[in-house]
Amino acid sequence: MSGRVIREIVHGAKKIPIILAEEVRDKGFRRVIDAIDPAVVQQTGDNVERAFKGPKMMTPSQKDITDRIIVTSMPHSESPNDLEDHSTIYVKDSAGRDICVGHVTTDPTKQQVMLRKIKSGGGD
């Protein structure tokens, strides 16, 4: 998945890039990143960083193996499975495998755990 780094989160001794996906293959579209309001991109980065650093979204062991976070959808509320305004993210490990997938809410008080926790630690 190609994209642009919109922010880096410092976690321990490493920096974790937040990448705004340019192409979402399973949805069949290409996003023109430069056409998105920079304030929306900034706010999305803020929301993802806040959710990552908070206690709800992921476990500490998931955070420790996170290599990058990919934003595949910008804030929206049309999702039938989640009526809260949210962005969708995929959290990847260093091998490119999904650690977890879910929603980052615009309102921090509405943040929930990731929708699908794929693995909780170093093993599959």
C-alpha atoms as a PDB file:
ATOM      1  CA  MET A   1       0.000   0.000   0.000  1.00  0.00           C
ATOM      2  CA  SER A   2       1.556   3.274  -1.052  1.00  0.00           C
ATOM      3  CA  GLY A   3       0.989   6.473   0.829  1.00  0.00           C
ATOM      4  CA  ARG A   4       2.429   9.464   2.616  1.00  0.00           C
ATOM      5  CA  VAL A   5       3.777   9.724   6.150  1.00  0.00           C
ATOM      6  CA  ILE A   6       1.656  12.336   7.907  1.00  0.00           C
ATOM      7  CA  ARG A   7       3.157  11.961  11.392  1.00  0.00           C
ATOM      8  CA  GLU A   8       5.559   9.871  13.456  1.00  0.00           C
ATOM      9  CA  ILE A   9       4.712   8.652  16.945  1.00  0.00           C
ATOM     10  CA  VAL A  10       7.591   8.197  19.378  1.00  0.00           C
ATOM     11  CA  HIS A  11       7.090   4.940  21.282  1.00  0.00           C
ATOM     12  CA  GLY A  12      10.012   3.975  23.472  1.00  0.00           C
ATOM     13  CA  ALA A  13      13.146   4.102  21.346  1.00  0.00           C
ATOM     14  CA  LYS A  14      11.378   3.916  17.992  1.00  0.00           C
ATOM     15  CA  LYS A  15       9.371   6.159  15.720  1.00  0.00           C
ATOM     16  CA  ILE A  16       6.160   4.716  14.282  1.00  0.00           C
ATOM     17  CA  PRO A  17       4.985   6.357  11.053  1.00  0.00           C
ATOM     18  CA  ILE A  18       1.314   7.129  10.489  1.00  0.00           C
ATOM     19  CA  ILE A  19       0.795   6.664   6.752  1.00  0.00           C
ATOM     20  CA  LEU A  20      -2.164   8.019   4.814  1.00  0.00           C
ATOM     21  CA  ALA A  21      -2.867   5.359   2.171  1.00  0.00           C
ATOM     22  CA  GLU A  22      -2.883   6.672  -1.372  1.00  0.00           C
ATOM     23  CA  GLU A  23      -4.355   3.522  -2.855  1.00  0.00           C
ATOM     24  CA  VAL A  24      -6.815   1.191  -1.165  1.00  0.00           C
ATOM     25  CA  ARG A  25      -6.788  -1.905  -3.373  1.00  0.00           C
ATOM     26  CA  ASP A  26      -9.790  -3.752  -1.987  1.00  0.00           C
ATOM     27  CA  LYS A  27     -11.948  -0.643  -2.447  1.00  0.00           C
ATOM     28  CA  GLY A  28     -10.592   0.072  -5.943  1.00  0.00           C
ATOM     29  CA  PHE A  29      -9.758   3.766  -5.676  1.00  0.00           C
ATOM     30  CA  ARG A  30      -6.760   6.084  -5.533  1.00  0.00           C
ATOM     31  CA  ARG A  31      -6.767   8.974  -3.089  1.00  0.00           C
ATOM     32  CA  VAL A  32      -5.297  12.280  -4.225  1.00  0.00           C
ATOM     33  CA  ILE A  33      -3.670  13.182  -0.920  1.00  0.00           C
ATOM     34  CA  ASP A  34      -2.867  16.752  -1.983  1.00  0.00           C
ATOM     35  CA  ALA A  35      -6.596  17.377  -2.556  1.00  0.00           C
ATOM     36  CA  ILE A  36      -7.440  16.712   1.114  1.00  0.00           C
ATOM     37  CA  ASP A  37      -7.685  19.779   3.354  1.00  0.00           C
ATOM     38  CA  PRO A  38      -4.368  19.902   5.285  1.00  0.00           C
ATOM     39  CA  ALA A  39      -6.304  20.653   8.495  1.00  0.00           C
ATOM     40  CA  VAL A  40      -8.224  17.373   8.074  1.00  0.00           C
ATOM     41  CA  VAL A  41      -4.971  15.467   7.506  1.00  0.00           C
ATOM     42  CA  GLN A  42      -3.456  17.127  10.604  1.00  0.00           C
ATOM     43  CA  GLN A  43      -6.509  16.327  12.739  1.00  0.00           C
ATOM     44  CA  THR A  44      -6.523  12.721  11.525  1.00  0.00           C
ATOM     45  CA  GLY A  45      -2.868  12.386  12.551  1.00  0.00           C
ATOM     46  CA  ASP A  46      -3.692  13.929  15.944  1.00  0.00           C
ATOM     47  CA  ASN A  47      -6.577  11.485  16.442  1.00  0.00           C
ATOM     48  CA  VAL A  48      -4.509   8.417  15.513  1.00  0.00           C
ATOM     49  CA  GLU A  49      -1.628   9.457  17.776  1.00  0.00           C
ATOM     50  CA  ARG A  50      -4.005  10.161  20.672  1.00  0.00           C
ATOM     51  CA  ALA A  51      -5.734   6.801  20.257  1.00  0.00           C
ATOM     52  CA  PHE A  52      -2.421   4.921  19.972  1.00  0.00           C
ATOM     53  CA  LYS A  53      -1.044   6.532  23.130  1.00  0.00           C
ATOM     54  CA  GLY A  54      -4.293   6.033  25.055  1.00  0.00           C
ATOM     55  CA  PRO A  55      -5.224   2.931  27.053  1.00  0.00           C
ATOM     56  CA  LYS A  56      -8.243   1.668  25.078  1.00  0.00           C
ATOM     57  CA  MET A  57      -7.337   1.008  21.473  1.00  0.00           C
ATOM     58  CA  MET A  58      -4.495  -1.517  21.770  1.00  0.00           C
ATOM     59  CA  THR A  59      -2.707  -3.613  24.361  1.00  0.00           C
ATOM     60  CA  PRO A  60       0.824  -2.642  25.456  1.00  0.00           C
ATOM     61  CA  SER A  61       2.235  -5.753  23.734  1.00  0.00           C
ATOM     62  CA  GLN A  62       0.513  -4.790  20.469  1.00  0.00           C
ATOM     63  CA  LYS A  63       1.946  -1.275  20.730  1.00  0.00           C
ATOM     64  CA  ASP A  64       5.431  -2.690  21.321  1.00  0.00           C
ATOM     65  CA  ILE A  65       5.427  -4.655  18.048  1.00  0.00           C
ATOM     66  CA  THR A  66       3.818  -1.899  15.970  1.00  0.00           C
ATOM     67  CA  ASP A  67       5.992  -0.902  13.019  1.00  0.00           C
ATOM     68  CA  ARG A  68       3.557   1.387  11.164  1.00  0.00           C
ATOM     69  CA  ILE A  69      -0.046   2.544  11.144  1.00  0.00           C
ATOM     70  CA  ILE A  70      -1.893   2.934   7.849  1.00  0.00           C
ATOM     71  CA  VAL A  71      -4.959   5.178   7.598  1.00  0.00           C
ATOM     72  CA  THR A  72      -7.220   3.726   4.900  1.00  0.00           C
ATOM     73  CA  SER A  73     -10.218   6.011   5.361  1.00  0.00           C
ATOM     74  CA  MET A  74     -10.506   9.606   6.451  1.00  0.00           C
ATOM     75  CA  PRO A  75     -13.072  10.670   9.090  1.00  0.00           C
ATOM     76  CA  HIS A  76     -16.584   9.568   8.156  1.00  0.00           C
ATOM     77  CA  SER A  77     -19.758   8.371   9.866  1.00  0.00           C
ATOM     78  CA  GLU A  78     -21.549   6.424   7.131  1.00  0.00           C
ATOM     79  CA  SER A  79     -20.306   3.037   8.317  1.00  0.00           C
ATOM     80  CA  PRO A  80     -23.194   0.673   9.156  1.00  0.00           C
ATOM     81  CA  ASN A  81     -21.052  -1.023  11.814  1.00  0.00           C
ATOM     82  CA  ASP A  82     -19.949   2.172  13.575  1.00  0.00           C
ATOM     83  CA  LEU A  83     -22.108   5.286  13.692  1.00  0.00           C
ATOM     84  CA  GLU A  84     -19.417   7.359  15.448  1.00  0.00           C
ATOM     85  CA  ASP A  85     -17.325   9.706  13.300  1.00  0.00           C
ATOM     86  CA  HIS A  86     -14.115   7.717  12.718  1.00  0.00           C
ATOM     87  CA  SER A  87     -11.137   6.865  10.508  1.00  0.00           C
ATOM     88  CA  THR A  88     -10.140   3.280   9.700  1.00  0.00           C
ATOM     89  CA  ILE A  89      -6.594   2.132  10.421  1.00  0.00           C
ATOM     90  CA  TYR A  90      -4.485  -0.986   9.912  1.00  0.00           C
ATOM     91  CA  VAL A  91      -1.678  -1.520  12.419  1.00  0.00           C
ATOM     92  CA  LYS A  92       1.260  -3.495  10.964  1.00  0.00           C
ATOM     93  CA  ASP A  93       4.277  -5.264  12.438  1.00  0.00           C
ATOM     94  CA  SER A  94       7.791  -5.177  10.937  1.00  0.00           C
ATOM     95  CA  ALA A  95       6.959  -8.101   8.603  1.00  0.00           C
ATOM     96  CA  GLY A  96       3.945  -6.215   7.220  1.00  0.00           C
ATOM     97  CA  ARG A  97       1.397  -8.432   8.972  1.00  0.00           C
ATOM     98  CA  ASP A  98      -1.736  -6.916  10.494  1.00  0.00           C
ATOM     99  CA  ILE A  99      -1.576  -6.634  14.280  1.00  0.00           C
ATOM    100  CA  CYS A 100      -5.067  -5.177  14.467  1.00  0.00           C
ATOM    101  CA  VAL A 101      -7.609  -3.283  12.392  1.00  0.00           C
ATOM    102  CA  GLY A 102     -10.201  -0.826  13.568  1.00  0.00           C
ATOM    103  CA  HIS A 103     -11.582   2.653  13.993  1.00  0.00           C
ATOM    104  CA  VAL A 104     -10.108   5.777  15.539  1.00  0.00           C
ATOM    105  CA  THR A 105     -12.909   8.065  16.668  1.00  0.00           C
ATOM    106  CA  THR A 106     -12.901  11.815  16.209  1.00  0.00           C
ATOM    107  CA  ASP A 107     -14.319  12.189  19.732  1.00  0.00           C
ATOM    108  CA  PRO A 108     -11.777  10.721  22.200  1.00  0.00           C
ATOM    109  CA  THR A 109     -14.514   9.829  24.693  1.00  0.00           C
ATOM    110  CA  LYS A 110     -16.021   7.440  22.109  1.00  0.00           C
ATOM    111  CA  GLN A 111     -12.786   5.499  21.426  1.00  0.00           C
ATOM    112  CA  GLN A 112     -13.154   1.726  21.713  1.00  0.00           C
ATOM    113  CA  VAL A 113     -10.788  -1.220  21.425  1.00  0.00           C
ATOM    114  CA  MET A 114      -9.799  -2.228  17.914  1.00  0.00           C
ATOM    115  CA  LEU A 115     -12.514  -4.063  15.972  1.00  0.00           C
ATOM    116  CA  ARG A 116     -10.302  -7.037  15.161  1.00  0.00           C
ATOM    117  CA  LYS A 117      -7.350  -7.861  17.321  1.00  0.00           C
ATOM    118  CA  ILE A 118      -5.296 -10.123  15.135  1.00  0.00           C
ATOM    119  CA  LYS A 119      -2.499 -10.891  17.549  1.00  0.00           C
ATOM    120  CA  SER A 120      -1.612  -9.796  21.029  1.00  0.00           C
ATOM    121  CA  GLY A 121       2.124 -10.285  21.094  1.00  0.00           C
ATOM    122  CA  GLY A 122       5.127 -11.572  19.209  1.00  0.00           C
ATOM    123  CA  GLY A 123       3.438 -14.789  18.040  1.00  0.00           C
ATOM    124  CA  ASP A 124       0.723 -15.359  15.468  1.00  0.00           C
END
